[in-house]
C-alpha atoms as a PDB file:
ATOM      1  CA  UNK A   1    -102.500  94.596  81.864  1.00  0.00           C
ATOM      2  CA  UNK A   2    -104.659  91.819  83.260  1.00  0.00           C
ATOM      3  CA  UNK A   3    -101.837  90.125  85.092  1.00  0.00           C
ATOM      4  CA  UNK A   4     -98.452  91.763  85.425  1.00  0.00           C
ATOM      5  CA  UNK A   5     -95.861  89.257  84.264  1.00  0.00           C
ATOM      6  CA  UNK A   6     -92.547  89.553  86.038  1.00  0.00           C
ATOM      7  CA  UNK A   7     -89.932  87.339  87.578  1.00  0.00           C
ATOM      8  CA  UNK A   8     -91.441  88.086  90.953  1.00  0.00           C
ATOM      9  CA  UNK A   9     -94.554  86.121  90.017  1.00  0.00           C
ATOM     10  CA  UNK A  10     -92.546  82.909  90.029  1.00  0.00           C
ATOM     11  CA  UNK A  11     -90.267  83.355  93.012  1.00  0.00           C
ATOM     12  CA  UNK A  12     -86.803  81.896  92.482  1.00  0.00           C
ATOM     13  CA  UNK A  13     -86.675  80.766  88.876  1.00  0.00           C
ATOM     14  CA  UNK A  14     -84.183  78.362  87.436  1.00  0.00           C
ATOM     15  CA  UNK A  15     -81.613  79.825  85.088  1.00  0.00           C
ATOM     16  CA  UNK A  16     -83.308  78.358  81.950  1.00  0.00           C
ATOM     17  CA  UNK A  17     -86.600  80.005  82.928  1.00  0.00           C
ATOM     18  CA  UNK A  18     -84.929  83.360  83.521  1.00  0.00           C
ATOM     19  CA  UNK A  19     -83.111  83.132  80.199  1.00  0.00           C
ATOM     20  CA  UNK A  20     -86.330  82.158  78.407  1.00  0.00           C
ATOM     21  CA  UNK A  21     -88.234  85.145  79.769  1.00  0.00           C
ATOM     22  CA  UNK A  22     -85.404  87.519  78.850  1.00  0.00           C
ATOM     23  CA  UNK A  23     -85.205  85.949  75.401  1.00  0.00           C
ATOM     24  CA  UNK A  24     -88.927  86.404  74.854  1.00  0.00           C
ATOM     25  CA  UNK A  25     -88.822  89.982  76.121  1.00  0.00           C
ATOM     26  CA  UNK A  26     -86.067  90.883  73.685  1.00  0.00           C
ATOM     27  CA  UNK A  27     -87.622  89.048  70.730  1.00  0.00           C
ATOM     28  CA  UNK A  28     -91.125  90.475  70.998  1.00  0.00           C
ATOM     29  CA  UNK A  29     -90.245  94.007  71.956  1.00  0.00           C
ATOM     30  CA  UNK A  30     -90.595  94.012  75.703  1.00  0.00           C
ATOM     31  CA  UNK A  31     -94.053  92.454  75.983  1.00  0.00           C
ATOM     32  CA  UNK A  32     -92.971  90.928  79.279  1.00  0.00           C
ATOM     33  CA  UNK A  33     -91.979  94.216  80.880  1.00  0.00           C
ATOM     34  CA  UNK A  34     -95.400  95.531  81.949  1.00  0.00           C
ATOM     35  CA  UNK A  35     -94.200  98.676  83.716  1.00  0.00           C
ATOM     36  CA  UNK A  36     -92.230  99.747  80.682  1.00  0.00           C
ATOM     37  CA  UNK A  37     -95.160  98.976  78.429  1.00  0.00           C
ATOM     38  CA  UNK A  38     -97.562 101.019  80.545  1.00  0.00           C
ATOM     39  CA  UNK A  39     -95.153 103.941  80.732  1.00  0.00           C
ATOM     40  CA  UNK A  40     -94.464 103.992  76.983  1.00  0.00           C
ATOM     41  CA  UNK A  41     -98.091 103.401  76.079  1.00  0.00           C
ATOM     42  CA  UNK A  42     -99.234 106.227  78.354  1.00  0.00           C
ATOM     43  CA  UNK A  43     -96.743 108.648  76.830  1.00  0.00           C
ATOM     44  CA  UNK A  44     -97.668 107.638  73.281  1.00  0.00           C
ATOM     45  CA  UNK A  45    -101.386 107.823  74.042  1.00  0.00           C
ATOM     46  CA  UNK A  46    -101.050 111.319  75.514  1.00  0.00           C
ATOM     47  CA  UNK A  47     -99.070 112.433  72.477  1.00  0.00           C
ATOM     48  CA  UNK A  48    -101.711 111.059  70.129  1.00  0.00           C
ATOM     49  CA  UNK A  49    -104.507 112.768  72.049  1.00  0.00           C
ATOM     50  CA  UNK A  50    -102.703 116.102  71.949  1.00  0.00           C
ATOM     51  CA  UNK A  51    -102.095 115.651  68.248  1.00  0.00           C
ATOM     52  CA  UNK A  52    -105.689 114.655  67.580  1.00  0.00           C
ATOM     53  CA  UNK A  53    -107.148 117.505  69.647  1.00  0.00           C
ATOM     54  CA  UNK A  54    -105.135 119.950  67.612  1.00  0.00           C
ATOM     55  CA  UNK A  55    -106.719 118.606  64.431  1.00  0.00           C
ATOM     56  CA  UNK A  56    -110.204 117.294  65.219  1.00  0.00           C
ATOM     57  CA  UNK A  57    -112.511 116.930  68.140  1.00  0.00           C
ATOM     58  CA  UNK A  58    -112.246 113.534  69.863  1.00  0.00           C
ATOM     59  CA  UNK A  59    -115.580 111.838  69.332  1.00  0.00           C
ATOM     60  CA  UNK A  60    -117.262 109.009  71.206  1.00  0.00           C
ATOM     61  CA  UNK A  61    -116.404 106.804  68.238  1.00  0.00           C
ATOM     62  CA  UNK A  62    -112.698 107.465  68.741  1.00  0.00           C
ATOM     63  CA  UNK A  63    -112.982 106.740  72.436  1.00  0.00           C
ATOM     64  CA  UNK A  64    -114.823 103.463  71.851  1.00  0.00           C
ATOM     65  CA  UNK A  65    -112.234 102.427  69.288  1.00  0.00           C
ATOM     66  CA  UNK A  66    -109.430 103.187  71.724  1.00  0.00           C
ATOM     67  CA  UNK A  67    -111.146 101.265  74.532  1.00  0.00           C
ATOM     68  CA  UNK A  68    -111.656  98.288  72.219  1.00  0.00           C
ATOM     69  CA  UNK A  69    -108.028  98.362  71.109  1.00  0.00           C
ATOM     70  CA  UNK A  70    -106.714  98.499  74.673  1.00  0.00           C
ATOM     71  CA  UNK A  71    -109.083  95.700  75.761  1.00  0.00           C
ATOM     72  CA  UNK A  72    -108.061  93.442  72.883  1.00  0.00           C
ATOM     73  CA  UNK A  73    -104.361  94.043  73.448  1.00  0.00           C
ATOM     74  CA  UNK A  74    -104.761  93.324  77.162  1.00  0.00           C
ATOM     75  CA  UNK A  75    -106.401  89.977  76.363  1.00  0.00           C
ATOM     76  CA  UNK A  76    -103.588  89.088  73.959  1.00  0.00           C
ATOM     77  CA  UNK A  77    -100.997  90.059  76.545  1.00  0.00           C
ATOM     78  CA  UNK A  78    -102.722  87.917  79.160  1.00  0.00           C
ATOM     79  CA  UNK A  79    -102.788  84.931  76.784  1.00  0.00           C
ATOM     80  CA  UNK A  80     -99.089  85.272  76.005  1.00  0.00           C
ATOM     81  CA  UNK A  81     -98.159  85.493  79.668  1.00  0.00           C
ATOM     82  CA  UNK A  82    -100.282  82.482  80.645  1.00  0.00           C
ATOM     83  CA  UNK A  83     -98.728  80.339  77.908  1.00  0.00           C
ATOM     84  CA  UNK A  84     -95.247  81.338  79.030  1.00  0.00           C
ATOM     85  CA  UNK A  85     -96.142  80.669  82.668  1.00  0.00           C
ATOM     86  CA  UNK A  86     -97.412  77.169  81.765  1.00  0.00           C
ATOM     87  CA  UNK A  87     -94.186  76.441  79.863  1.00  0.00           C
ATOM     88  CA  UNK A  88     -91.801  77.164  82.738  1.00  0.00           C
ATOM     89  CA  UNK A  89     -92.398  73.933  84.738  1.00  0.00           C
ATOM     90  CA  UNK A  90     -91.732  71.985  81.522  1.00  0.00           C
ATOM     91  CA  UNK A  91     -88.207  73.335  81.057  1.00  0.00           C
ATOM     92  CA  UNK A  92     -85.417  70.842  81.613  1.00  0.00           C
ATOM     93  CA  UNK A  93     -82.247  71.542  83.544  1.00  0.00           C
ATOM     94  CA  UNK A  94     -80.313  71.362  80.276  1.00  0.00           C
ATOM     95  CA  UNK A  95     -82.684  73.685  78.439  1.00  0.00           C
ATOM     96  CA  UNK A  96     -81.078  76.046  75.908  1.00  0.00           C
ATOM     97  CA  UNK A  97     -83.481  78.973  75.406  1.00  0.00           C
ATOM     98  CA  UNK A  98     -80.544  81.252  74.614  1.00  0.00           C
ATOM     99  CA  UNK A  99     -80.204  79.386  71.305  1.00  0.00           C
ATOM    100  CA  UNK A 100     -83.809  79.964  70.239  1.00  0.00           C
ATOM    101  CA  UNK A 101     -84.180  82.087  67.118  1.00  0.00           C
ATOM    102  CA  UNK A 102     -85.793  85.484  67.636  1.00  0.00           C
ATOM    103  CA  UNK A 103     -87.815  85.060  64.436  1.00  0.00           C
ATOM    104  CA  UNK A 104     -89.211  81.776  65.753  1.00  0.00           C
ATOM    105  CA  UNK A 105     -90.244  83.407  69.040  1.00  0.00           C
ATOM    106  CA  UNK A 106     -91.844  86.364  67.273  1.00  0.00           C
ATOM    107  CA  UNK A 107     -93.798  84.064  64.967  1.00  0.00           C
ATOM    108  CA  UNK A 108     -94.804  81.830  67.892  1.00  0.00           C
ATOM    109  CA  UNK A 109     -96.345  84.652  69.906  1.00  0.00           C
ATOM    110  CA  UNK A 110     -97.924  86.187  66.838  1.00  0.00           C
ATOM    111  CA  UNK A 111     -99.867  82.936  66.400  1.00  0.00           C
ATOM    112  CA  UNK A 112    -100.656  82.085  70.036  1.00  0.00           C
ATOM    113  CA  UNK A 113    -101.622  85.484  71.402  1.00  0.00           C
ATOM    114  CA  UNK A 114    -105.305  85.002  70.500  1.00  0.00           C
ATOM    115  CA  UNK A 115    -105.486  81.592  72.230  1.00  0.00           C
ATOM    116  CA  UNK A 116    -107.500  81.942  75.435  1.00  0.00           C
ATOM    117  CA  UNK A 117    -108.674  78.349  75.976  1.00  0.00           C
ATOM    118  CA  UNK A 118    -106.735  76.803  78.879  1.00  0.00           C
ATOM    119  CA  UNK A 119    -106.255  73.381  77.232  1.00  0.00           C
ATOM    120  CA  UNK A 120    -104.987  74.923  74.012  1.00  0.00           C
ATOM    121  CA  UNK A 121    -102.680  77.206  75.991  1.00  0.00           C
ATOM    122  CA  UNK A 122    -101.212  74.097  77.598  1.00  0.00           C
ATOM    123  CA  UNK A 123    -100.510  72.638  74.156  1.00  0.00           C
ATOM    124  CA  UNK A 124     -98.834  75.867  73.053  1.00  0.00           C
ATOM    125  CA  UNK A 125     -96.818  75.886  76.292  1.00  0.00           C
ATOM    126  CA  UNK A 126     -95.508  72.388  75.530  1.00  0.00           C
ATOM    127  CA  UNK A 127     -94.333  73.605  72.130  1.00  0.00           C
ATOM    128  CA  UNK A 128     -92.610  76.644  73.668  1.00  0.00           C
ATOM    129  CA  UNK A 129     -90.905  74.521  76.334  1.00  0.00           C
ATOM    130  CA  UNK A 130     -89.929  71.868  73.801  1.00  0.00           C
ATOM    131  CA  UNK A 131     -88.305  74.466  71.576  1.00  0.00           C
ATOM    132  CA  UNK A 132     -86.530  76.019  74.555  1.00  0.00           C
ATOM    133  CA  UNK A 133     -85.264  72.619  75.703  1.00  0.00           C
ATOM    134  CA  UNK A 134     -84.000  71.696  72.243  1.00  0.00           C
ATOM    135  CA  UNK A 135     -84.003  74.616  69.777  1.00  0.00           C
ATOM    136  CA  UNK A 136     -84.987  73.481  66.287  1.00  0.00           C
ATOM    137  CA  UNK A 137     -87.469  70.857  67.509  1.00  0.00           C
ATOM    138  CA  UNK A 138     -90.534  72.663  66.162  1.00  0.00           C
ATOM    139  CA  UNK A 139     -90.551  74.284  62.750  1.00  0.00           C
ATOM    140  CA  UNK A 140     -92.333  77.524  61.906  1.00  0.00           C
ATOM    141  CA  UNK A 141     -94.583  75.428  59.676  1.00  0.00           C
ATOM    142  CA  UNK A 142     -95.672  73.413  62.717  1.00  0.00           C
ATOM    143  CA  UNK A 143     -96.331  76.582  64.715  1.00  0.00           C
ATOM    144  CA  UNK A 144     -98.327  78.061  61.847  1.00  0.00           C
ATOM    145  CA  UNK A 145    -100.399  74.899  61.434  1.00  0.00           C
ATOM    146  CA  UNK A 146    -101.079  74.760  65.162  1.00  0.00           C
ATOM    147  CA  UNK A 147    -102.333  78.310  64.910  1.00  0.00           C
ATOM    148  CA  UNK A 148    -104.855  77.254  62.258  1.00  0.00           C
ATOM    149  CA  UNK A 149    -106.485  74.333  64.083  1.00  0.00           C
ATOM    150  CA  UNK A 150    -109.241  74.621  66.650  1.00  0.00           C
ATOM    151  CA  UNK A 151    -109.726  72.803  69.935  1.00  0.00           C
ATOM    152  CA  UNK A 152    -111.863  70.065  68.347  1.00  0.00           C
ATOM    153  CA  UNK A 153    -109.107  69.286  65.832  1.00  0.00           C
ATOM    154  CA  UNK A 154    -106.513  69.193  68.611  1.00  0.00           C
ATOM    155  CA  UNK A 155    -108.641  66.832  70.711  1.00  0.00           C
ATOM    156  CA  UNK A 156    -109.188  64.520  67.741  1.00  0.00           C
ATOM    157  CA  UNK A 157    -105.474  64.458  66.952  1.00  0.00           C
ATOM    158  CA  UNK A 158    -104.711  63.652  70.593  1.00  0.00           C
ATOM    159  CA  UNK A 159    -107.109  60.697  70.395  1.00  0.00           C
ATOM    160  CA  UNK A 160    -105.339  59.461  67.267  1.00  0.00           C
ATOM    161  CA  UNK A 161    -101.998  59.734  69.052  1.00  0.00           C
ATOM    162  CA  UNK A 162    -103.263  57.252  71.627  1.00  0.00           C
ATOM    163  CA  UNK A 163    -102.526  54.618  68.963  1.00  0.00           C
ATOM    164  CA  UNK A 164     -98.922  55.736  68.445  1.00  0.00           C
ATOM    165  CA  UNK A 165     -96.037  53.242  68.461  1.00  0.00           C
ATOM    166  CA  UNK A 166     -92.372  54.132  68.184  1.00  0.00           C
ATOM    167  CA  UNK A 167     -90.040  52.420  65.722  1.00  0.00           C
ATOM    168  CA  UNK A 168     -87.352  54.691  64.305  1.00  0.00           C
ATOM    169  CA  UNK A 169     -90.083  57.350  64.481  1.00  0.00           C
ATOM    170  CA  UNK A 170     -93.679  57.622  65.671  1.00  0.00           C
ATOM    171  CA  UNK A 171     -96.465  55.835  63.785  1.00  0.00           C
ATOM    172  CA  UNK A 172    -100.223  55.820  64.480  1.00  0.00           C
ATOM    173  CA  UNK A 173    -101.090  52.144  63.959  1.00  0.00           C
ATOM    174  CA  UNK A 174    -104.500  52.280  62.261  1.00  0.00           C
ATOM    175  CA  UNK A 175    -105.034  48.831  60.747  1.00  0.00           C
ATOM    176  CA  UNK A 176    -108.806  48.892  60.243  1.00  0.00           C
ATOM    177  CA  UNK A 177    -110.633  52.052  61.239  1.00  0.00           C
ATOM    178  CA  UNK A 178    -113.931  50.163  61.302  1.00  0.00           C
ATOM    179  CA  UNK A 179    -112.883  48.087  64.334  1.00  0.00           C
ATOM    180  CA  UNK A 180    -114.417  49.143  67.631  1.00  0.00           C
ATOM    181  CA  UNK A 181    -111.041  49.789  69.267  1.00  0.00           C
ATOM    182  CA  UNK A 182    -110.725  52.750  66.877  1.00  0.00           C
ATOM    183  CA  UNK A 183    -114.350  53.825  66.447  1.00  0.00           C
ATOM    184  CA  UNK A 184    -114.903  54.160  70.200  1.00  0.00           C
ATOM    185  CA  UNK A 185    -112.180  56.848  70.122  1.00  0.00           C
ATOM    186  CA  UNK A 186    -113.894  58.636  67.203  1.00  0.00           C
ATOM    187  CA  UNK A 187    -111.229  57.428  64.800  1.00  0.00           C
ATOM    188  CA  UNK A 188    -112.959  56.486  61.551  1.00  0.00           C
ATOM    189  CA  UNK A 189    -112.737  57.123  57.823  1.00  0.00           C
ATOM    190  CA  UNK A 190    -114.192  60.634  58.067  1.00  0.00           C
ATOM    191  CA  UNK A 191    -112.038  61.805  60.965  1.00  0.00           C
ATOM    192  CA  UNK A 192    -108.891  60.319  59.445  1.00  0.00           C
ATOM    193  CA  UNK A 193    -109.679  62.055  56.161  1.00  0.00           C
ATOM    194  CA  UNK A 194    -110.159  65.313  58.062  1.00  0.00           C
ATOM    195  CA  UNK A 195    -106.800  64.989  59.827  1.00  0.00           C
ATOM    196  CA  UNK A 196    -105.265  64.343  56.412  1.00  0.00           C
ATOM    197  CA  UNK A 197    -106.959  67.449  55.002  1.00  0.00           C
ATOM    198  CA  UNK A 198    -105.564  69.731  57.715  1.00  0.00           C
ATOM    199  CA  UNK A 199    -102.028  68.398  57.263  1.00  0.00           C
ATOM    200  CA  UNK A 200    -101.405  66.273  60.359  1.00  0.00           C
ATOM    201  CA  UNK A 201    -101.389  62.809  58.754  1.00  0.00           C
ATOM    202  CA  UNK A 202    -101.288  61.041  55.410  1.00  0.00           C
ATOM    203  CA  UNK A 203    -104.190  58.606  55.241  1.00  0.00           C
ATOM    204  CA  UNK A 204    -103.938  55.724  52.751  1.00  0.00           C
ATOM    205  CA  UNK A 205    -107.332  54.112  53.084  1.00  0.00           C
ATOM    206  CA  UNK A 206    -106.638  51.165  50.746  1.00  0.00           C
ATOM    207  CA  UNK A 207    -103.009  50.134  50.399  1.00  0.00           C
ATOM    208  CA  UNK A 208    -101.667  51.013  53.836  1.00  0.00           C
ATOM    209  CA  UNK A 209     -98.015  51.498  54.766  1.00  0.00           C
ATOM    210  CA  UNK A 210     -95.061  49.314  55.754  1.00  0.00           C
ATOM    211  CA  UNK A 211     -91.863  49.777  57.722  1.00  0.00           C
ATOM    212  CA  UNK A 212     -89.151  48.249  55.528  1.00  0.00           C
ATOM    213  CA  UNK A 213     -85.475  47.258  55.587  1.00  0.00           C
ATOM    214  CA  UNK A 214     -85.705  46.043  59.161  1.00  0.00           C
ATOM    215  CA  UNK A 215     -83.104  43.812  60.854  1.00  0.00           C
ATOM    216  CA  UNK A 216     -84.041  40.413  62.259  1.00  0.00           C
ATOM    217  CA  UNK A 217     -84.842  41.831  65.699  1.00  0.00           C
ATOM    218  CA  UNK A 218     -86.660  45.125  66.233  1.00  0.00           C
ATOM    219  CA  UNK A 219     -87.684  46.718  69.509  1.00  0.00           C
ATOM    220  CA  UNK A 220     -90.755  48.940  69.310  1.00  0.00           C
ATOM    221  CA  UNK A 221     -92.486  50.858  72.081  1.00  0.00           C
ATOM    222  CA  UNK A 222     -96.034  51.721  73.047  1.00  0.00           C
ATOM    223  CA  UNK A 223     -95.916  54.622  75.517  1.00  0.00           C
ATOM    224  CA  UNK A 224     -92.671  53.336  76.968  1.00  0.00           C
ATOM    225  CA  UNK A 225     -93.684  49.661  77.041  1.00  0.00           C
ATOM    226  CA  UNK A 226     -91.307  47.697  74.776  1.00  0.00           C
ATOM    227  CA  UNK A 227     -91.996  44.789  72.460  1.00  0.00           C
ATOM    228  CA  UNK A 228     -89.450  42.792  70.455  1.00  0.00           C
ATOM    229  CA  UNK A 229     -90.374  41.592  66.971  1.00  0.00           C
ATOM    230  CA  UNK A 230     -88.375  38.701  65.520  1.00  0.00           C
ATOM    231  CA  UNK A 231     -88.385  38.101  61.759  1.00  0.00           C
ATOM    232  CA  UNK A 232     -87.359  34.973  59.865  1.00  0.00           C
ATOM    233  CA  UNK A 233     -84.760  36.719  57.716  1.00  0.00           C
ATOM    234  CA  UNK A 234     -81.530  38.264  59.043  1.00  0.00           C
ATOM    235  CA  UNK A 235     -82.209  41.528  57.146  1.00  0.00           C
ATOM    236  CA  UNK A 236     -84.456  43.320  54.646  1.00  0.00           C
ATOM    237  CA  UNK A 237     -87.602  42.590  56.639  1.00  0.00           C
ATOM    238  CA  UNK A 238     -90.824  44.575  56.604  1.00  0.00           C
ATOM    239  CA  UNK A 239     -93.937  44.925  58.725  1.00  0.00           C
ATOM    240  CA  UNK A 240     -97.346  46.483  58.151  1.00  0.00           C
ATOM    241  CA  UNK A 241     -97.945  49.643  60.162  1.00  0.00           C
ATOM    242  CA  UNK A 242    -101.473  50.494  59.075  1.00  0.00           C
ATOM    243  CA  UNK A 243    -103.153  53.113  56.944  1.00  0.00           C
ATOM    244  CA  UNK A 244    -101.868  56.371  58.423  1.00  0.00           C
ATOM    245  CA  UNK A 245     -98.559  58.176  58.706  1.00  0.00           C
ATOM    246  CA  UNK A 246     -97.806  61.385  60.554  1.00  0.00           C
ATOM    247  CA  UNK A 247     -96.665  64.293  58.431  1.00  0.00           C
ATOM    248  CA  UNK A 248     -93.528  66.080  59.622  1.00  0.00           C
ATOM    249  CA  UNK A 249     -95.754  68.512  61.517  1.00  0.00           C
ATOM    250  CA  UNK A 250     -97.774  65.620  62.909  1.00  0.00           C
ATOM    251  CA  UNK A 251     -94.572  63.948  64.078  1.00  0.00           C
ATOM    252  CA  UNK A 252     -93.528  67.062  65.964  1.00  0.00           C
ATOM    253  CA  UNK A 253     -96.906  67.521  67.636  1.00  0.00           C
ATOM    254  CA  UNK A 254     -97.559  63.842  68.379  1.00  0.00           C
ATOM    255  CA  UNK A 255     -94.972  63.649  71.133  1.00  0.00           C
ATOM    256  CA  UNK A 256     -96.255  66.686  73.055  1.00  0.00           C
ATOM    257  CA  UNK A 257    -100.033  66.548  72.524  1.00  0.00           C
ATOM    258  CA  UNK A 258    -100.741  64.830  75.835  1.00  0.00           C
ATOM    259  CA  UNK A 259    -102.012  61.511  74.451  1.00  0.00           C
ATOM    260  CA  UNK A 260    -102.408  58.552  76.809  1.00  0.00           C
ATOM    261  CA  UNK A 261    -102.177  54.788  76.177  1.00  0.00           C
ATOM    262  CA  UNK A 262    -105.426  52.965  75.478  1.00  0.00           C
ATOM    263  CA  UNK A 263    -106.471  49.919  77.436  1.00  0.00           C
ATOM    264  CA  UNK A 264    -106.067  46.774  75.348  1.00  0.00           C
ATOM    265  CA  UNK A 265    -104.277  48.329  72.383  1.00  0.00           C
ATOM    266  CA  UNK A 266    -100.870  46.872  73.231  1.00  0.00           C
ATOM    267  CA  UNK A 267    -102.334  43.359  73.247  1.00  0.00           C
ATOM    268  CA  UNK A 268    -104.431  44.097  70.148  1.00  0.00           C
ATOM    269  CA  UNK A 269    -101.336  44.977  68.125  1.00  0.00           C
ATOM    270  CA  UNK A 270     -99.387  42.052  69.577  1.00  0.00           C
ATOM    271  CA  UNK A 271    -102.110  39.552  68.586  1.00  0.00           C
ATOM    272  CA  UNK A 272    -102.440  41.060  65.121  1.00  0.00           C
ATOM    273  CA  UNK A 273     -98.711  40.767  64.388  1.00  0.00           C
ATOM    274  CA  UNK A 274     -98.657  37.177  65.690  1.00  0.00           C
ATOM    275  CA  UNK A 275    -101.459  36.325  63.261  1.00  0.00           C
ATOM    276  CA  UNK A 276     -99.345  37.844  60.488  1.00  0.00           C
ATOM    277  CA  UNK A 277     -96.586  35.346  61.299  1.00  0.00           C
ATOM    278  CA  UNK A 278     -94.177  37.430  63.363  1.00  0.00           C
ATOM    279  CA  UNK A 279     -92.599  36.166  66.557  1.00  0.00           C
ATOM    280  CA  UNK A 280     -93.378  38.575  69.383  1.00  0.00           C
ATOM    281  CA  UNK A 281     -91.678  38.884  72.739  1.00  0.00           C
ATOM    282  CA  UNK A 282     -93.508  41.104  75.215  1.00  0.00           C
ATOM    283  CA  UNK A 283     -91.232  43.022  77.568  1.00  0.00           C
ATOM    284  CA  UNK A 284     -93.748  44.459  79.998  1.00  0.00           C
END
């Protein structure tokens, strides 16, 4: 293996980290027990060679195929171990990896084992840690979709998430994609349509969306910075939230994609809502 993965690599691990590694080892058949893997693989390989030599002569083609197989599996193993290693610092003290489903873990590593890019491994590590911290946070559908997108898609989605505000859930506030505050971040009609096509958002280019049935006072947040919106009516209020909504998968990935707040966007949204007649109280 490229890098032997063992508890010794991390020194004194917290209990959640130890439990996570054991859970992964059990779920994916001992992938994180390198010595055992080497011992079993060696025995199986020797048995296969003996069997093959008794039937046919081992050719250079067979040897090249075996070398390729071992090389590919070593790369996959290395990817899996690096993703797990990146996830460990993200575990919380109240993490519950023991409650993770084995099927979820197996599916997760089946999808991420070919991911060698460091940035994408970090994204996968956040998903693994998030699921370990709160089992059930990420669906298999989300894992499968993440496995189908490339680095460019992930970077574009992260840029979109820079416009995310939190009401009862996360919303990317895209009011007019032609404005420079969006276009400078590569958010435009074409990129929004693409993110819709791959299943991360629903893009309504004409009508837009609204948050409805709101009380008279609503607190919303932009990357932890609160804002209070005051409506005229005591109940049944609504507010425009732009042309895009996260899908369920998009919702799950939006909070761990690594997006950062954009300079000026808090004030941009504040001014826009004031022009629409809402009373705004900044709580910076």
